[in-house]
Amino acid sequence: MNPSPAQHRPAPRRLGPLAAALALLVFATALGGCGGGGEGPDEAAAAMSDEELATYRQEIAEWHEDRVERLRQPGDWLTLVGLHWFEEGDNSLGSDPMSDVVLPAKAPARVGRVILSPDGELELRVNPGVEATVDGERVRRTQLVTDAEEGTTYVEMGPLEFYAIQRGDWVGLRVRDRESPALAKFEGVETYPVDPEWRVEARFEPFDPPRELLIPDVTGNDQPNEAPGRLVFEIDGQEMSLLALDGGEDSLFLIFADETSGRETYGAGRYLSVPGPGEDGTTHIDFNRAYNPPCAFTPYATCPLPPKGNRLPVEIRAGEKVYRGEGAH
């Protein structure tokens, strides 16, 4: 095992289909493209009535409000305060700085230890006098099921919660604080103005069979993912494509970067959920719904990075901008 420091660089709900009136917008986009050349934002918006444009913008606003509200939840990314990789064998645990796994000062100095066996099994042993609970029941000794399996074990100590994660051959401990400063100071995420020009039609080109890929993440590990195909579309009359991952529930998942990455948007790219293709093999990519990965909010996430070829040679000035609040990374 090759532990890594916790400091790394570096799900939105999909709303229902837009109103049928957006067909005019699709036609206009197909004719003129987007992204600065051809038909401009005002012309794209002009393909819709004022009522249709207001409805579209309201849909995006509601999606973003939902996204921000979920970030405010005590179990979301803004509560992460630690990520520690275990060594095989005995790992001491507590707020004592001499511990192998140093917890926040809110934790007891010596919580106990985590034993990592050669076959990857984890056991937590809690010291006498330390109150730690799992599912509301106080524990002294328990197996830790990682997030790579069903029934992940969540251990609570006051406002703190920790659980085991597995990334490749690495096994570690992720720590949350429901009272984290990043959560307390969170004021939302800045976005570009909603622009219907950035909702583009895309053709799905399936892989037969789907490709099994290893997607790199910020820890240096590779995460297995299935890519059912690619999405092909036009921007400024130029054909482009993005490798699409399986998003589940009849959706595709995109991890992409563009020419705004590292300047106006998060350097390691953004994420985007896309409806699965219809019977005609087409769908729409709505870049107004592009959002930051967890690593934009905390150095303790393990975000997958854009796969090879998923950097667009244009500025996608739509969706979420880089997060600059407390905890930004």
C-alpha atoms as a PDB file:
ATOM      1  CA  MET A   1       0.000   0.000   0.000  1.00  0.00           C
ATOM      2  CA  ASN A   2       1.223   3.475  -0.797  1.00  0.00           C
ATOM      3  CA  PRO A   3      -0.632   6.004   1.355  1.00  0.00           C
ATOM      4  CA  SER A   4      -1.142   9.481  -0.031  1.00  0.00           C
ATOM      5  CA  PRO A   5      -1.476  12.800   1.807  1.00  0.00           C
ATOM      6  CA  ALA A   6      -5.029  14.006   2.263  1.00  0.00           C
ATOM      7  CA  GLN A   7      -4.402  17.237   0.351  1.00  0.00           C
ATOM      8  CA  HIS A   8      -5.495  16.642  -3.228  1.00  0.00           C
ATOM      9  CA  ARG A   9      -6.275  18.825  -6.170  1.00  0.00           C
ATOM     10  CA  PRO A  10      -8.725  18.120  -7.288  1.00  0.00           C
ATOM     11  CA  ALA A  11     -25.452  14.408  -7.927  1.00  0.00           C
ATOM     12  CA  PRO A  12     -27.539  16.506  -9.395  1.00  0.00           C
ATOM     13  CA  ARG A  13     -31.163  15.576  -9.657  1.00  0.00           C
ATOM     14  CA  ARG A  14     -32.191  15.453 -13.333  1.00  0.00           C
ATOM     15  CA  LEU A  15     -35.385  17.357 -13.885  1.00  0.00           C
ATOM     16  CA  GLY A  16     -38.031  16.250 -16.353  1.00  0.00           C
ATOM     17  CA  PRO A  17     -37.892  17.077 -20.064  1.00  0.00           C
ATOM     18  CA  LEU A  18     -38.320  20.651 -21.134  1.00  0.00           C
ATOM     19  CA  ALA A  19     -41.556  21.818 -22.626  1.00  0.00           C
ATOM     20  CA  ALA A  20     -42.189  20.715 -26.207  1.00  0.00           C
ATOM     21  CA  ALA A  21     -41.873  24.323 -27.259  1.00  0.00           C
ATOM     22  CA  LEU A  22     -38.091  24.013 -26.954  1.00  0.00           C
ATOM     23  CA  ALA A  23     -38.104  22.218 -30.318  1.00  0.00           C
ATOM     24  CA  LEU A  24     -37.663  25.617 -31.925  1.00  0.00           C
ATOM     25  CA  LEU A  25     -34.537  26.166 -29.848  1.00  0.00           C
ATOM     26  CA  VAL A  26     -33.117  22.781 -30.874  1.00  0.00           C
ATOM     27  CA  PHE A  27     -33.639  23.641 -34.530  1.00  0.00           C
ATOM     28  CA  ALA A  28     -31.963  27.027 -34.094  1.00  0.00           C
ATOM     29  CA  THR A  29     -29.001  25.489 -32.272  1.00  0.00           C
ATOM     30  CA  ALA A  30     -28.543  22.877 -34.985  1.00  0.00           C
ATOM     31  CA  LEU A  31     -28.413  25.616 -37.577  1.00  0.00           C
ATOM     32  CA  GLY A  32     -26.193  28.088 -35.799  1.00  0.00           C
ATOM     33  CA  GLY A  33     -24.152  26.206 -33.205  1.00  0.00           C
ATOM     34  CA  CYS A  34     -23.094  27.931 -29.988  1.00  0.00           C
ATOM     35  CA  GLY A  35     -20.145  29.162 -27.996  1.00  0.00           C
ATOM     36  CA  GLY A  36     -19.441  32.560 -29.493  1.00  0.00           C
ATOM     37  CA  GLY A  37     -19.740  32.139 -33.253  1.00  0.00           C
ATOM     38  CA  GLY A  38     -22.753  31.638 -35.500  1.00  0.00           C
ATOM     39  CA  GLU A  39     -26.034  32.336 -33.790  1.00  0.00           C
ATOM     40  CA  GLY A  40     -25.492  34.342 -30.615  1.00  0.00           C
ATOM     41  CA  PRO A  41     -27.241  33.970 -27.261  1.00  0.00           C
ATOM     42  CA  ASP A  42     -29.818  36.646 -28.034  1.00  0.00           C
ATOM     43  CA  GLU A  43     -30.747  34.965 -31.329  1.00  0.00           C
ATOM     44  CA  ALA A  44     -30.983  31.554 -29.661  1.00  0.00           C
ATOM     45  CA  ALA A  45     -33.241  32.996 -26.989  1.00  0.00           C
ATOM     46  CA  ALA A  46     -35.284  34.703 -29.692  1.00  0.00           C
ATOM     47  CA  ALA A  47     -36.294  31.248 -30.983  1.00  0.00           C
ATOM     48  CA  MET A  48     -38.409  30.981 -27.840  1.00  0.00           C
ATOM     49  CA  SER A  49     -41.304  33.087 -26.687  1.00  0.00           C
ATOM     50  CA  ASP A  50     -40.862  35.153 -23.542  1.00  0.00           C
ATOM     51  CA  GLU A  51     -42.970  32.623 -21.660  1.00  0.00           C
ATOM     52  CA  GLU A  52     -40.936  29.651 -22.943  1.00  0.00           C
ATOM     53  CA  LEU A  53     -37.662  31.364 -22.107  1.00  0.00           C
ATOM     54  CA  ALA A  54     -38.911  32.203 -18.598  1.00  0.00           C
ATOM     55  CA  THR A  55     -39.985  28.571 -18.105  1.00  0.00           C
ATOM     56  CA  TYR A  56     -36.607  27.284 -19.217  1.00  0.00           C
ATOM     57  CA  ARG A  57     -34.685  29.652 -16.964  1.00  0.00           C
ATOM     58  CA  GLN A  58     -36.963  28.752 -14.050  1.00  0.00           C
ATOM     59  CA  GLU A  59     -36.219  25.041 -14.580  1.00  0.00           C
ATOM     60  CA  ILE A  60     -32.481  25.683 -14.439  1.00  0.00           C
ATOM     61  CA  ALA A  61     -32.879  27.942 -11.384  1.00  0.00           C
ATOM     62  CA  GLU A  62     -34.860  25.251  -9.558  1.00  0.00           C
ATOM     63  CA  TRP A  63     -32.286  22.612 -10.462  1.00  0.00           C
ATOM     64  CA  HIS A  64     -29.508  24.817  -9.106  1.00  0.00           C
ATOM     65  CA  GLU A  65     -31.437  25.666  -5.937  1.00  0.00           C
ATOM     66  CA  ASP A  66     -31.925  21.950  -5.326  1.00  0.00           C
ATOM     67  CA  ARG A  67     -28.226  21.344  -5.892  1.00  0.00           C
ATOM     68  CA  VAL A  68     -27.245  24.089  -3.410  1.00  0.00           C
ATOM     69  CA  GLU A  69     -29.751  22.835  -0.843  1.00  0.00           C
ATOM     70  CA  ARG A  70     -28.232  19.352  -0.974  1.00  0.00           C
ATOM     71  CA  LEU A  71     -24.771  20.831  -0.450  1.00  0.00           C
ATOM     72  CA  ARG A  72     -26.118  22.366   2.757  1.00  0.00           C
ATOM     73  CA  GLN A  73     -27.032  18.957   4.170  1.00  0.00           C
ATOM     74  CA  PRO A  74     -24.916  17.653   7.091  1.00  0.00           C
ATOM     75  CA  GLY A  75     -23.971  14.524   5.159  1.00  0.00           C
ATOM     76  CA  ASP A  76     -22.707  16.281   2.026  1.00  0.00           C
ATOM     77  CA  TRP A  77     -19.251  17.367   0.867  1.00  0.00           C
ATOM     78  CA  LEU A  78     -18.939  20.578   2.901  1.00  0.00           C
ATOM     79  CA  THR A  79     -18.815  18.546   6.124  1.00  0.00           C
ATOM     80  CA  LEU A  80     -15.685  16.591   5.169  1.00  0.00           C
ATOM     81  CA  VAL A  81     -12.799  17.453   7.503  1.00  0.00           C
ATOM     82  CA  GLY A  82     -10.376  14.577   7.052  1.00  0.00           C
ATOM     83  CA  LEU A  83      -9.125  11.749   4.853  1.00  0.00           C
ATOM     84  CA  HIS A  84      -6.490   9.341   6.150  1.00  0.00           C
ATOM     85  CA  TRP A  85      -5.016   6.244   4.519  1.00  0.00           C
ATOM     86  CA  PHE A  86      -4.380   3.208   6.692  1.00  0.00           C
ATOM     87  CA  GLU A  87      -1.217   1.186   6.876  1.00  0.00           C
ATOM     88  CA  GLU A  88      -1.598  -2.560   7.144  1.00  0.00           C
ATOM     89  CA  GLY A  89      -1.774  -3.606  10.793  1.00  0.00           C
ATOM     90  CA  ASP A  90      -2.513  -1.432  13.811  1.00  0.00           C
ATOM     91  CA  ASN A  91      -3.523   2.226  13.258  1.00  0.00           C
ATOM     92  CA  SER A  92      -4.091   4.389  16.335  1.00  0.00           C
ATOM     93  CA  LEU A  93      -7.001   6.827  16.178  1.00  0.00           C
ATOM     94  CA  GLY A  94      -7.657  10.076  18.092  1.00  0.00           C
ATOM     95  CA  SER A  95      -7.088  13.813  18.315  1.00  0.00           C
ATOM     96  CA  ASP A  96      -3.663  13.274  19.877  1.00  0.00           C
ATOM     97  CA  PRO A  97      -1.217  14.528  17.199  1.00  0.00           C
ATOM     98  CA  MET A  98       0.886  11.426  17.772  1.00  0.00           C
ATOM     99  CA  SER A  99      -1.955   9.219  16.529  1.00  0.00           C
ATOM    100  CA  ASP A 100      -1.552   7.436  13.210  1.00  0.00           C
ATOM    101  CA  VAL A 101      -4.944   8.847  12.221  1.00  0.00           C
ATOM    102  CA  VAL A 102      -5.336  12.331  13.691  1.00  0.00           C
ATOM    103  CA  LEU A 103      -8.969  13.286  14.214  1.00  0.00           C
ATOM    104  CA  PRO A 104     -10.304  16.834  14.826  1.00  0.00           C
ATOM    105  CA  ALA A 105      -9.849  18.328  18.296  1.00  0.00           C
ATOM    106  CA  LYS A 106     -13.505  17.562  19.070  1.00  0.00           C
ATOM    107  CA  ALA A 107     -12.613  13.873  19.283  1.00  0.00           C
ATOM    108  CA  PRO A 108     -11.072  12.258  22.393  1.00  0.00           C
ATOM    109  CA  ALA A 109      -7.291  12.213  22.437  1.00  0.00           C
ATOM    110  CA  ARG A 110      -7.208   8.430  22.149  1.00  0.00           C
ATOM    111  CA  VAL A 111     -10.306   6.999  20.509  1.00  0.00           C
ATOM    112  CA  GLY A 112      -8.886   3.549  19.849  1.00  0.00           C
ATOM    113  CA  ARG A 113      -7.405   1.791  16.859  1.00  0.00           C
ATOM    114  CA  VAL A 114      -8.287   0.342  13.493  1.00  0.00           C
ATOM    115  CA  ILE A 115      -6.757  -2.987  12.490  1.00  0.00           C
ATOM    116  CA  LEU A 116      -6.254  -3.497   8.745  1.00  0.00           C
ATOM    117  CA  SER A 117      -5.688  -7.160   7.947  1.00  0.00           C
ATOM    118  CA  PRO A 118      -3.633  -8.394   4.953  1.00  0.00           C
ATOM    119  CA  ASP A 119      -6.858  -9.360   3.175  1.00  0.00           C
ATOM    120  CA  GLY A 120      -8.304  -5.850   3.588  1.00  0.00           C
ATOM    121  CA  GLU A 121     -10.657  -6.495   6.510  1.00  0.00           C
ATOM    122  CA  LEU A 122     -11.046  -3.625   8.988  1.00  0.00           C
ATOM    123  CA  GLU A 123     -11.838  -3.803  12.681  1.00  0.00           C
ATOM    124  CA  LEU A 124     -12.438  -0.824  14.956  1.00  0.00           C
ATOM    125  CA  ARG A 125     -11.538  -1.213  18.631  1.00  0.00           C
ATOM    126  CA  VAL A 126     -12.763   1.646  20.826  1.00  0.00           C
ATOM    127  CA  ASN A 127     -10.975   2.494  24.082  1.00  0.00           C
ATOM    128  CA  PRO A 128     -12.846   2.288  27.407  1.00  0.00           C
ATOM    129  CA  GLY A 129     -14.564   5.551  28.309  1.00  0.00           C
ATOM    130  CA  VAL A 130     -14.953   6.647  24.681  1.00  0.00           C
ATOM    131  CA  GLU A 131     -18.534   6.841  23.414  1.00  0.00           C
ATOM    132  CA  ALA A 132     -18.855   5.807  19.792  1.00  0.00           C
ATOM    133  CA  THR A 133     -22.062   4.571  18.199  1.00  0.00           C
ATOM    134  CA  VAL A 134     -23.106   2.671  15.091  1.00  0.00           C
ATOM    135  CA  ASP A 135     -26.784   2.914  14.155  1.00  0.00           C
ATOM    136  CA  GLY A 136     -27.409   4.489  17.542  1.00  0.00           C
ATOM    137  CA  GLU A 137     -25.846   1.587  19.457  1.00  0.00           C
ATOM    138  CA  ARG A 138     -22.699   2.074  21.498  1.00  0.00           C
ATOM    139  CA  VAL A 139     -19.789  -0.065  20.250  1.00  0.00           C
ATOM    140  CA  ARG A 140     -16.510  -1.294  21.659  1.00  0.00           C
ATOM    141  CA  ARG A 141     -15.441  -3.496  18.768  1.00  0.00           C
ATOM    142  CA  THR A 142     -16.926  -3.666  15.278  1.00  0.00           C
ATOM    143  CA  GLN A 143     -16.049  -4.525  11.702  1.00  0.00           C
ATOM    144  CA  LEU A 144     -15.863  -1.532   9.376  1.00  0.00           C
ATOM    145  CA  VAL A 145     -17.571  -2.143   6.044  1.00  0.00           C
ATOM    146  CA  THR A 146     -16.111   0.220   3.426  1.00  0.00           C
ATOM    147  CA  ASP A 147     -18.030   2.348   0.945  1.00  0.00           C
ATOM    148  CA  ALA A 148     -17.076  -0.170  -1.756  1.00  0.00           C
ATOM    149  CA  GLU A 149     -19.628  -2.559  -0.262  1.00  0.00           C
ATOM    150  CA  GLU A 150     -23.256  -2.457   0.747  1.00  0.00           C
ATOM    151  CA  GLY A 151     -23.991  -1.600   4.357  1.00  0.00           C
ATOM    152  CA  THR A 152     -21.132   0.857   4.908  1.00  0.00           C
ATOM    153  CA  THR A 153     -20.405   1.276   8.632  1.00  0.00           C
ATOM    154  CA  TYR A 154     -20.852   4.833   9.922  1.00  0.00           C
ATOM    155  CA  VAL A 155     -19.380   5.592  13.350  1.00  0.00           C
ATOM    156  CA  GLU A 156     -20.602   8.660  15.249  1.00  0.00           C
ATOM    157  CA  MET A 157     -18.935  10.573  18.090  1.00  0.00           C
ATOM    158  CA  GLY A 158     -20.867  13.735  18.911  1.00  0.00           C
ATOM    159  CA  PRO A 159     -20.854  15.980  15.793  1.00  0.00           C
ATOM    160  CA  LEU A 160     -18.196  13.795  14.164  1.00  0.00           C
ATOM    161  CA  GLU A 161     -18.804  10.847  11.889  1.00  0.00           C
ATOM    162  CA  PHE A 162     -16.259   8.620  10.195  1.00  0.00           C
ATOM    163  CA  TYR A 163     -16.383   5.682   7.813  1.00  0.00           C
ATOM    164  CA  ALA A 164     -13.981   3.590   5.775  1.00  0.00           C
ATOM    165  CA  ILE A 165     -13.443   4.090   2.045  1.00  0.00           C
ATOM    166  CA  GLN A 166     -11.604   2.008  -0.537  1.00  0.00           C
ATOM    167  CA  ARG A 167      -9.925   3.409  -3.633  1.00  0.00           C
ATOM    168  CA  GLY A 168      -8.055   0.771  -5.589  1.00  0.00           C
ATOM    169  CA  ASP A 169      -5.664  -0.896  -3.153  1.00  0.00           C
ATOM    170  CA  TRP A 170      -5.886   1.952  -0.674  1.00  0.00           C
ATOM    171  CA  VAL A 171      -8.164   1.775   2.347  1.00  0.00           C
ATOM    172  CA  GLY A 172      -8.729   4.862   4.457  1.00  0.00           C
ATOM    173  CA  LEU A 173     -10.936   6.777   6.842  1.00  0.00           C
ATOM    174  CA  ARG A 174     -13.120   9.694   5.796  1.00  0.00           C
ATOM    175  CA  VAL A 175     -14.174  12.072   8.572  1.00  0.00           C
ATOM    176  CA  ARG A 176     -17.180  14.416   8.676  1.00  0.00           C
ATOM    177  CA  ASP A 177     -18.089  17.213  11.058  1.00  0.00           C
ATOM    178  CA  ARG A 178     -21.720  18.331  11.041  1.00  0.00           C
ATOM    179  CA  GLU A 179     -20.502  21.637  12.513  1.00  0.00           C
ATOM    180  CA  SER A 180     -17.726  22.228   9.971  1.00  0.00           C
ATOM    181  CA  PRO A 181     -16.798  25.880   9.253  1.00  0.00           C
ATOM    182  CA  ALA A 182     -17.161  25.248   5.507  1.00  0.00           C
ATOM    183  CA  LEU A 183     -20.795  24.255   5.971  1.00  0.00           C
ATOM    184  CA  ALA A 184     -21.524  27.112   8.378  1.00  0.00           C
ATOM    185  CA  LYS A 185     -20.083  29.709   5.967  1.00  0.00           C
ATOM    186  CA  PHE A 186     -21.491  28.268   2.747  1.00  0.00           C
ATOM    187  CA  GLU A 187     -23.325  30.922   0.717  1.00  0.00           C
ATOM    188  CA  GLY A 188     -23.932  29.059  -2.503  1.00  0.00           C
ATOM    189  CA  VAL A 189     -22.122  28.568  -5.811  1.00  0.00           C
ATOM    190  CA  GLU A 190     -21.760  31.246  -8.479  1.00  0.00           C
ATOM    191  CA  THR A 191     -22.999  30.354 -11.960  1.00  0.00           C
ATOM    192  CA  TYR A 192     -22.942  31.843 -15.431  1.00  0.00           C
ATOM    193  CA  PRO A 193     -26.193  33.466 -16.566  1.00  0.00           C
ATOM    194  CA  VAL A 194     -28.594  30.851 -17.907  1.00  0.00           C
ATOM    195  CA  ASP A 195     -28.273  30.812 -21.681  1.00  0.00           C
ATOM    196  CA  PRO A 196     -30.406  28.459 -23.820  1.00  0.00           C
ATOM    197  CA  GLU A 197     -27.680  28.578 -26.472  1.00  0.00           C
ATOM    198  CA  TRP A 198     -25.769  26.041 -24.359  1.00  0.00           C
ATOM    199  CA  ARG A 199     -28.441  23.356 -24.628  1.00  0.00           C
ATOM    200  CA  VAL A 200     -27.134  21.436 -27.642  1.00  0.00           C
ATOM    201  CA  GLU A 201     -28.411  18.389 -29.481  1.00  0.00           C
ATOM    202  CA  ALA A 202     -26.080  15.397 -29.364  1.00  0.00           C
ATOM    203  CA  ARG A 203     -25.927  12.114 -31.252  1.00  0.00           C
ATOM    204  CA  PHE A 204     -25.171   9.027 -29.186  1.00  0.00           C
ATOM    205  CA  GLU A 205     -22.669   6.622 -30.744  1.00  0.00           C
ATOM    206  CA  PRO A 206     -22.780   3.371 -28.742  1.00  0.00           C
ATOM    207  CA  PHE A 207     -19.813   1.093 -28.168  1.00  0.00           C
ATOM    208  CA  ASP A 208     -20.507  -2.556 -28.895  1.00  0.00           C
ATOM    209  CA  PRO A 209     -19.787  -3.899 -26.391  1.00  0.00           C
ATOM    210  CA  PRO A 210     -19.591  -1.059 -23.824  1.00  0.00           C
ATOM    211  CA  ARG A 211     -16.000  -0.254 -22.868  1.00  0.00           C
ATOM    212  CA  GLU A 212     -14.627  -0.950 -19.416  1.00  0.00           C
ATOM    213  CA  LEU A 213     -12.401   1.990 -18.525  1.00  0.00           C
ATOM    214  CA  LEU A 214     -10.076   2.916 -15.701  1.00  0.00           C
ATOM    215  CA  ILE A 215     -10.731   6.581 -14.934  1.00  0.00           C
ATOM    216  CA  PRO A 216      -7.961   8.358 -12.967  1.00  0.00           C
ATOM    217  CA  ASP A 217      -8.878  10.141  -9.762  1.00  0.00           C
ATOM    218  CA  VAL A 218      -7.163  12.846  -7.722  1.00  0.00           C
ATOM    219  CA  THR A 219      -5.463  10.325  -5.425  1.00  0.00           C
ATOM    220  CA  GLY A 220      -3.538   8.800  -8.316  1.00  0.00           C
ATOM    221  CA  ASN A 221      -5.708   5.682  -8.365  1.00  0.00           C
ATOM    222  CA  ASP A 222      -7.808   4.469 -11.267  1.00  0.00           C
ATOM    223  CA  GLN A 223     -11.519   3.820 -10.790  1.00  0.00           C
ATOM    224  CA  PRO A 224     -13.317   1.262 -12.990  1.00  0.00           C
ATOM    225  CA  ASN A 225     -16.199   2.672 -15.020  1.00  0.00           C
ATOM    226  CA  GLU A 226     -18.335   1.522 -17.925  1.00  0.00           C
ATOM    227  CA  ALA A 227     -18.551   3.722 -21.015  1.00  0.00           C
ATOM    228  CA  PRO A 228     -21.549   2.773 -23.165  1.00  0.00           C
ATOM    229  CA  GLY A 229     -20.577   5.196 -25.937  1.00  0.00           C
ATOM    230  CA  ARG A 230     -19.794   8.767 -26.872  1.00  0.00           C
ATOM    231  CA  LEU A 231     -21.870  11.885 -27.499  1.00  0.00           C
ATOM    232  CA  VAL A 232     -21.178  13.799 -30.712  1.00  0.00           C
ATOM    233  CA  PHE A 233     -22.339  17.400 -31.122  1.00  0.00           C
ATOM    234  CA  GLU A 234     -21.415  20.721 -32.706  1.00  0.00           C
ATOM    235  CA  ILE A 235     -20.184  23.988 -31.228  1.00  0.00           C
ATOM    236  CA  ASP A 236     -19.521  26.890 -33.586  1.00  0.00           C
ATOM    237  CA  GLY A 237     -20.014  24.482 -36.479  1.00  0.00           C
ATOM    238  CA  GLN A 238     -17.151  22.303 -35.237  1.00  0.00           C
ATOM    239  CA  GLU A 239     -17.903  18.656 -34.445  1.00  0.00           C
ATOM    240  CA  MET A 240     -16.851  17.577 -30.960  1.00  0.00           C
ATOM    241  CA  SER A 241     -17.410  14.545 -28.794  1.00  0.00           C
ATOM    242  CA  LEU A 242     -17.341  13.483 -25.167  1.00  0.00           C
ATOM    243  CA  LEU A 243     -16.872   9.994 -23.799  1.00  0.00           C
ATOM    244  CA  ALA A 244     -20.002   9.174 -21.817  1.00  0.00           C
ATOM    245  CA  LEU A 245     -20.077   7.011 -18.679  1.00  0.00           C
ATOM    246  CA  ASP A 246     -23.038   5.026 -17.419  1.00  0.00           C
ATOM    247  CA  GLY A 247     -25.077   7.397 -15.252  1.00  0.00           C
ATOM    248  CA  GLY A 248     -27.721   4.870 -14.207  1.00  0.00           C
ATOM    249  CA  GLU A 249     -31.500   5.317 -14.434  1.00  0.00           C
ATOM    250  CA  ASP A 250     -31.442   5.883 -18.198  1.00  0.00           C
ATOM    251  CA  SER A 251     -28.865   8.646 -18.011  1.00  0.00           C
ATOM    252  CA  LEU A 252     -25.299   9.309 -19.093  1.00  0.00           C
ATOM    253  CA  PHE A 253     -22.586  10.929 -17.005  1.00  0.00           C
ATOM    254  CA  LEU A 254     -19.978  13.315 -18.402  1.00  0.00           C
ATOM    255  CA  ILE A 255     -16.692  14.386 -16.830  1.00  0.00           C
ATOM    256  CA  PHE A 256     -15.225  17.150 -18.951  1.00  0.00           C
ATOM    257  CA  ALA A 257     -12.855  20.101 -18.985  1.00  0.00           C
ATOM    258  CA  ASP A 258     -12.777  23.065 -21.350  1.00  0.00           C
ATOM    259  CA  GLU A 259     -10.909  26.304 -21.963  1.00  0.00           C
ATOM    260  CA  THR A 260     -12.442  27.942 -18.863  1.00  0.00           C
ATOM    261  CA  SER A 261     -11.041  25.194 -16.595  1.00  0.00           C
ATOM    262  CA  GLY A 262      -8.499  26.566 -14.149  1.00  0.00           C
ATOM    263  CA  ARG A 263      -9.584  30.140 -14.796  1.00  0.00           C
ATOM    264  CA  GLU A 264     -13.314  30.746 -14.506  1.00  0.00           C
ATOM    265  CA  THR A 265     -14.287  27.167 -13.672  1.00  0.00           C
ATOM    266  CA  TYR A 266     -12.759  24.434 -11.546  1.00  0.00           C
ATOM    267  CA  GLY A 267      -9.370  23.356 -12.807  1.00  0.00           C
ATOM    268  CA  ALA A 268      -9.976  19.619 -12.760  1.00  0.00           C
ATOM    269  CA  GLY A 269     -13.156  19.872 -14.805  1.00  0.00           C
ATOM    270  CA  ARG A 270     -16.876  19.640 -14.160  1.00  0.00           C
ATOM    271  CA  TYR A 271     -19.603  17.003 -14.146  1.00  0.00           C
ATOM    272  CA  LEU A 272     -22.846  16.804 -16.086  1.00  0.00           C
ATOM    273  CA  SER A 273     -25.789  14.404 -16.166  1.00  0.00           C
ATOM    274  CA  VAL A 274     -27.442  13.846 -19.545  1.00  0.00           C
ATOM    275  CA  PRO A 275     -30.721  12.037 -20.330  1.00  0.00           C
ATOM    276  CA  GLY A 276     -30.250   8.745 -22.161  1.00  0.00           C
ATOM    277  CA  PRO A 277     -30.801   8.865 -25.934  1.00  0.00           C
ATOM    278  CA  GLY A 278     -34.266   8.456 -27.408  1.00  0.00           C
ATOM    279  CA  GLU A 279     -35.285   6.017 -30.092  1.00  0.00           C
ATOM    280  CA  ASP A 280     -33.681   8.255 -32.723  1.00  0.00           C
ATOM    281  CA  GLY A 281     -30.338   7.995 -30.924  1.00  0.00           C
ATOM    282  CA  THR A 282     -30.215  11.656 -29.906  1.00  0.00           C
ATOM    283  CA  THR A 283     -30.306  13.531 -26.620  1.00  0.00           C
ATOM    284  CA  HIS A 284     -29.408  17.000 -25.371  1.00  0.00           C
ATOM    285  CA  ILE A 285     -26.398  18.198 -23.426  1.00  0.00           C
ATOM    286  CA  ASP A 286     -27.411  21.156 -21.298  1.00  0.00           C
ATOM    287  CA  PHE A 287     -24.184  22.816 -20.205  1.00  0.00           C
ATOM    288  CA  ASN A 288     -26.228  25.169 -18.015  1.00  0.00           C
ATOM    289  CA  ARG A 289     -26.396  22.166 -15.659  1.00  0.00           C
ATOM    290  CA  ALA A 290     -22.622  21.608 -15.509  1.00  0.00           C
ATOM    291  CA  TYR A 291     -21.568  21.419 -11.880  1.00  0.00           C
ATOM    292  CA  ASN A 292     -18.439  21.277  -9.739  1.00  0.00           C
ATOM    293  CA  PRO A 293     -17.079  17.944  -8.506  1.00  0.00           C
ATOM    294  CA  PRO A 294     -16.808  17.378  -4.734  1.00  0.00           C
ATOM    295  CA  CYS A 295     -13.088  18.214  -4.831  1.00  0.00           C
ATOM    296  CA  ALA A 296     -13.979  21.838  -5.574  1.00  0.00           C
ATOM    297  CA  PHE A 297     -15.395  22.077  -2.048  1.00  0.00           C
ATOM    298  CA  THR A 298     -12.980  19.985  -0.004  1.00  0.00           C
ATOM    299  CA  PRO A 299      -9.473  18.499  -0.245  1.00  0.00           C
ATOM    300  CA  TYR A 300     -10.814  15.266   1.287  1.00  0.00           C
ATOM    301  CA  ALA A 301     -12.763  13.923  -1.689  1.00  0.00           C
ATOM    302  CA  THR A 302     -11.460  11.438  -4.273  1.00  0.00           C
ATOM    303  CA  CYS A 303     -12.963  12.763  -7.500  1.00  0.00           C
ATOM    304  CA  PRO A 304     -12.558  11.046 -10.867  1.00  0.00           C
ATOM    305  CA  LEU A 305     -10.929  13.231 -13.509  1.00  0.00           C
ATOM    306  CA  PRO A 306     -11.923  13.755 -17.151  1.00  0.00           C
ATOM    307  CA  PRO A 307     -11.034  10.696 -19.234  1.00  0.00           C
ATOM    308  CA  LYS A 308      -8.613  11.108 -22.094  1.00  0.00           C
ATOM    309  CA  GLY A 309     -10.158  13.140 -24.887  1.00  0.00           C
ATOM    310  CA  ASN A 310     -12.782  14.838 -22.725  1.00  0.00           C
ATOM    311  CA  ARG A 311     -11.252  18.310 -22.826  1.00  0.00           C
ATOM    312  CA  LEU A 312     -13.182  20.569 -25.183  1.00  0.00           C
ATOM    313  CA  PRO A 313     -11.132  23.126 -27.160  1.00  0.00           C
ATOM    314  CA  VAL A 314     -13.679  25.894 -26.489  1.00  0.00           C
ATOM    315  CA  GLU A 315     -14.878  27.978 -23.564  1.00  0.00           C
ATOM    316  CA  ILE A 316     -18.033  26.489 -22.063  1.00  0.00           C
ATOM    317  CA  ARG A 317     -19.261  29.592 -20.265  1.00  0.00           C
ATOM    318  CA  ALA A 318     -22.293  27.926 -18.734  1.00  0.00           C
ATOM    319  CA  GLY A 319     -23.115  26.158 -15.491  1.00  0.00           C
ATOM    320  CA  GLU A 320     -21.221  26.499 -12.223  1.00  0.00           C
ATOM    321  CA  LYS A 321     -18.142  28.652 -11.867  1.00  0.00           C
ATOM    322  CA  VAL A 322     -15.204  27.831  -9.633  1.00  0.00           C
ATOM    323  CA  TYR A 323     -16.135  27.751  -5.924  1.00  0.00           C
ATOM    324  CA  ARG A 324     -14.148  30.283  -3.868  1.00  0.00           C
ATOM    325  CA  GLY A 325     -15.784  29.907  -0.459  1.00  0.00           C
ATOM    326  CA  GLU A 326     -14.627  28.255   2.764  1.00  0.00           C
ATOM    327  CA  GLY A 327     -13.142  24.856   2.062  1.00  0.00           C
ATOM    328  CA  ALA A 328     -12.518  25.598  -1.643  1.00  0.00           C
ATOM    329  CA  HIS A 329      -9.679  23.602  -3.072  1.00  0.00           C
END
